[in-house]
C-alpha atoms as a PDB file:
ATOM      1  CA  MET A   1       3.863   6.603   7.424  1.00  0.00           C
ATOM      2  CA  LYS A   2       2.863   5.431  10.807  1.00  0.00           C
ATOM      3  CA  VAL A   3       1.933   1.744  11.385  1.00  0.00           C
ATOM      4  CA  ASN A   4       0.768   0.147  14.566  1.00  0.00           C
ATOM      5  CA  PHE A   5       1.818  -3.475  14.487  1.00  0.00           C
ATOM      6  CA  ASN A   6       0.482  -4.223  18.017  1.00  0.00           C
ATOM      7  CA  VAL A   7      -2.751  -5.799  16.820  1.00  0.00           C
ATOM      8  CA  ALA A   8      -3.756  -9.443  17.260  1.00  0.00           C
ATOM      9  CA  PHE A   9      -3.872 -11.844  14.321  1.00  0.00           C
ATOM     10  CA  LYS A  10      -7.342 -12.876  13.394  1.00  0.00           C
ATOM     11  CA  ASN A  11      -8.535 -16.347  12.498  1.00  0.00           C
ATOM     12  CA  PHE A  12     -10.682 -16.924   9.305  1.00  0.00           C
ATOM     13  CA  ASP A  13     -13.764 -16.353  11.418  1.00  0.00           C
ATOM     14  CA  GLY A  14     -12.635 -13.117  12.818  1.00  0.00           C
ATOM     15  CA  SER A  15     -11.609 -14.357  16.291  1.00  0.00           C
ATOM     16  CA  ASP A  16      -8.308 -13.602  17.800  1.00  0.00           C
ATOM     17  CA  ILE A  17      -5.641 -16.255  17.297  1.00  0.00           C
ATOM     18  CA  THR A  18      -4.150 -17.135  20.693  1.00  0.00           C
ATOM     19  CA  GLU A  19      -0.957 -18.787  21.970  1.00  0.00           C
ATOM     20  CA  PRO A  20      -0.315 -20.541  25.204  1.00  0.00           C
ATOM     21  CA  TYR A  21       2.046 -19.357  27.762  1.00  0.00           C
ATOM     22  CA  GLU A  22       3.026 -20.489  31.218  1.00  0.00           C
ATOM     23  CA  VAL A  23       2.251 -18.498  34.452  1.00  0.00           C
ATOM     24  CA  VAL A  24       3.986 -19.381  37.811  1.00  0.00           C
ATOM     25  CA  GLU A  25       1.746 -18.612  40.701  1.00  0.00           C
ATOM     26  CA  LYS A  26       2.392 -19.027  44.437  1.00  0.00           C
ATOM     27  CA  LYS A  27      -0.234 -21.090  46.240  1.00  0.00           C
ATOM     28  CA  ILE A  28      -0.501 -22.623  49.687  1.00  0.00           C
ATOM     29  CA  VAL A  29      -0.755 -26.430  49.535  1.00  0.00           C
ATOM     30  CA  ASP A  30      -0.966 -28.364  52.759  1.00  0.00           C
ATOM     31  CA  GLY A  31       0.203 -25.441  54.656  1.00  0.00           C
ATOM     32  CA  LYS A  32       3.309 -24.836  52.402  1.00  0.00           C
ATOM     33  CA  GLU A  33       3.840 -22.132  49.870  1.00  0.00           C
ATOM     34  CA  MET A  34       4.601 -23.687  46.494  1.00  0.00           C
ATOM     35  CA  GLU A  35       5.025 -22.378  42.918  1.00  0.00           C
ATOM     36  CA  VAL A  36       2.367 -23.810  40.561  1.00  0.00           C
ATOM     37  CA  THR A  37       2.708 -23.542  36.868  1.00  0.00           C
ATOM     38  CA  LYS A  38      -0.314 -23.199  34.814  1.00  0.00           C
ATOM     39  CA  THR A  39      -1.056 -22.488  31.167  1.00  0.00           C
ATOM     40  CA  ASP A  40      -2.884 -19.301  30.081  1.00  0.00           C
ATOM     41  CA  TYR A  41      -3.601 -17.868  26.646  1.00  0.00           C
ATOM     42  CA  ARG A  42      -2.867 -14.541  25.044  1.00  0.00           C
ATOM     43  CA  PRO A  43      -3.504 -13.081  21.554  1.00  0.00           C
ATOM     44  CA  LYS A  44      -0.879 -13.764  18.985  1.00  0.00           C
ATOM     45  CA  MET A  45       0.433 -10.415  18.004  1.00  0.00           C
ATOM     46  CA  ILE A  46       1.433  -9.297  14.535  1.00  0.00           C
ATOM     47  CA  SER A  47       4.244  -7.138  16.033  1.00  0.00           C
ATOM     48  CA  VAL A  48       5.962 -10.246  17.407  1.00  0.00           C
ATOM     49  CA  MET A  49       5.628 -12.300  14.269  1.00  0.00           C
ATOM     50  CA  VAL A  50       6.693  -9.577  11.909  1.00  0.00           C
ATOM     51  CA  ALA A  51       9.733  -8.679  14.262  1.00  0.00           C
ATOM     52  CA  SER A  52      10.654 -12.407  14.238  1.00  0.00           C
ATOM     53  CA  VAL A  53      10.567 -12.704  10.450  1.00  0.00           C
ATOM     54  CA  LEU A  54      12.616  -9.588  10.031  1.00  0.00           C
ATOM     55  CA  PHE A  55      15.037 -10.735  12.752  1.00  0.00           C
ATOM     56  CA  ILE A  56      15.645 -13.994  10.777  1.00  0.00           C
ATOM     57  CA  GLY A  57      15.843 -12.065   7.354  1.00  0.00           C
ATOM     58  CA  LYS A  58      16.029 -15.363   5.449  1.00  0.00           C
ATOM     59  CA  GLU A  59      15.239 -13.656   2.080  1.00  0.00           C
ATOM     60  CA  CYS A  60      17.548 -10.555   2.552  1.00  0.00           C
ATOM     61  CA  LYS A  61      19.754  -9.985  -0.394  1.00  0.00           C
ATOM     62  CA  THR A  62      22.490  -7.751   0.882  1.00  0.00           C
ATOM     63  CA  VAL A  63      24.279  -6.875   4.058  1.00  0.00           C
ATOM     64  CA  GLU A  64      22.498  -3.458   4.108  1.00  0.00           C
ATOM     65  CA  GLU A  65      19.172  -5.088   3.730  1.00  0.00           C
ATOM     66  CA  LYS A  66      20.014  -7.532   6.652  1.00  0.00           C
ATOM     67  CA  MET A  67      20.889  -4.574   8.796  1.00  0.00           C
ATOM     68  CA  THR A  68      17.757  -2.730   7.917  1.00  0.00           C
ATOM     69  CA  ALA A  69      15.592  -5.883   8.515  1.00  0.00           C
ATOM     70  CA  PHE A  70      17.345  -6.319  12.040  1.00  0.00           C
ATOM     71  CA  ASN A  71      16.873  -2.646  13.044  1.00  0.00           C
ATOM     72  CA  LEU A  72      13.292  -2.581  11.916  1.00  0.00           C
ATOM     73  CA  SER A  73      12.744  -5.886  13.789  1.00  0.00           C
ATOM     74  CA  GLN A  74      13.887  -4.297  17.047  1.00  0.00           C
ATOM     75  CA  ARG A  75      11.792  -1.085  16.473  1.00  0.00           C
ATOM     76  CA  ILE A  76       8.644  -3.039  15.858  1.00  0.00           C
ATOM     77  CA  TYR A  77       9.198  -5.445  18.775  1.00  0.00           C
ATOM     78  CA  LYS A  78       9.837  -2.638  21.222  1.00  0.00           C
ATOM     79  CA  ALA A  79       7.130  -0.240  20.177  1.00  0.00           C
ATOM     80  CA  LYS A  80       4.091   0.198  22.290  1.00  0.00           C
ATOM     81  CA  GLY A  81       2.072   1.787  19.511  1.00  0.00           C
ATOM     82  CA  ALA A  82       2.529   3.120  15.991  1.00  0.00           C
ATOM     83  CA  ILE A  83       6.040   3.671  14.534  1.00  0.00           C
ATOM     84  CA  GLU A  84       7.164   5.543  11.534  1.00  0.00           C
ATOM     85  CA  ILE A  85       8.253   3.366   8.591  1.00  0.00           C
ATOM     86  CA  SER A  86       9.406   4.345   5.165  1.00  0.00           C
ATOM     87  CA  PRO A  87       8.016   3.138   1.815  1.00  0.00           C
ATOM     88  CA  GLU A  88      11.158   0.985   1.458  1.00  0.00           C
ATOM     89  CA  ASP A  89      10.586  -0.571   4.964  1.00  0.00           C
ATOM     90  CA  ALA A  90       6.997  -1.363   3.967  1.00  0.00           C
ATOM     91  CA  VAL A  91       8.269  -3.076   0.815  1.00  0.00           C
ATOM     92  CA  LEU A  92      10.809  -5.086   2.773  1.00  0.00           C
ATOM     93  CA  ILE A  93       8.268  -6.088   5.400  1.00  0.00           C
ATOM     94  CA  LYS A  94       5.739  -7.314   2.731  1.00  0.00           C
ATOM     95  CA  ARG A  95       8.476  -9.090   0.777  1.00  0.00           C
ATOM     96  CA  LEU A  96       9.981 -11.014   3.816  1.00  0.00           C
ATOM     97  CA  THR A  97       6.594 -11.837   5.369  1.00  0.00           C
ATOM     98  CA  ALA A  98       5.255 -13.104   1.992  1.00  0.00           C
ATOM     99  CA  GLU A  99       7.990 -15.847   1.946  1.00  0.00           C
ATOM    100  CA  SER A 100       7.573 -16.750   5.693  1.00  0.00           C
ATOM    101  CA  LEU A 101       3.948 -16.542   6.566  1.00  0.00           C
ATOM    102  CA  ILE A 102       0.797 -18.528   5.622  1.00  0.00           C
ATOM    103  CA  ALA A 103      -1.659 -16.611   3.308  1.00  0.00           C
ATOM    104  CA  GLY A 104      -4.020 -15.623   6.034  1.00  0.00           C
ATOM    105  CA  ALA A 105      -1.269 -14.122   8.240  1.00  0.00           C
ATOM    106  CA  TYR A 106       0.520 -12.486   5.424  1.00  0.00           C
ATOM    107  CA  ALA A 107      -2.682 -10.816   4.107  1.00  0.00           C
ATOM    108  CA  GLN A 108      -3.319  -9.275   7.578  1.00  0.00           C
ATOM    109  CA  VAL A 109       0.296  -7.827   7.583  1.00  0.00           C
ATOM    110  CA  ALA A 110       0.047  -6.531   3.978  1.00  0.00           C
ATOM    111  CA  ASN A 111      -3.361  -5.005   4.718  1.00  0.00           C
ATOM    112  CA  LEU A 112      -2.102  -3.324   7.893  1.00  0.00           C
ATOM    113  CA  VAL A 113       0.866  -1.728   5.942  1.00  0.00           C
ATOM    114  CA  GLU A 114      -1.030  -0.912   2.851  1.00  0.00           C
ATOM    115  CA  ASP A 115      -3.974   0.667   4.696  1.00  0.00           C
ATOM    116  CA  ASN A 116      -1.446   3.079   6.250  1.00  0.00           C
ATOM    117  CA  ILE A 117       0.158   3.821   2.845  1.00  0.00           C
ATOM    118  CA  LYS A 118      -3.335   4.907   1.621  1.00  0.00           C
ATOM    119  CA  LYS A 119      -3.743   7.421   4.563  1.00  0.00           C
END
């Protein structure tokens, strides 16, 4: 099945959850070019969180499962669109994220995976 994990997490009210990041800009201040750091915001992506949980693999039971979690983590993180995952991958994703994410975040991951299973 193909799943696109590159979607933003939603808050309880349906708005995108955002995270801060720093941007360095060059500006002219008193005639001198200086680097100025400012904080901006971007959507918190499901792909990044799922890849992170899989990378940690806290609930992995075997060495093989750890390797599967790591490889899946890298595929999800690097993907620009939908990727092919197996039913076993889907089970692993749902199991590991169930242990690591809050209810609202887990539900979005599980729904994303399950909606693609139904197709």
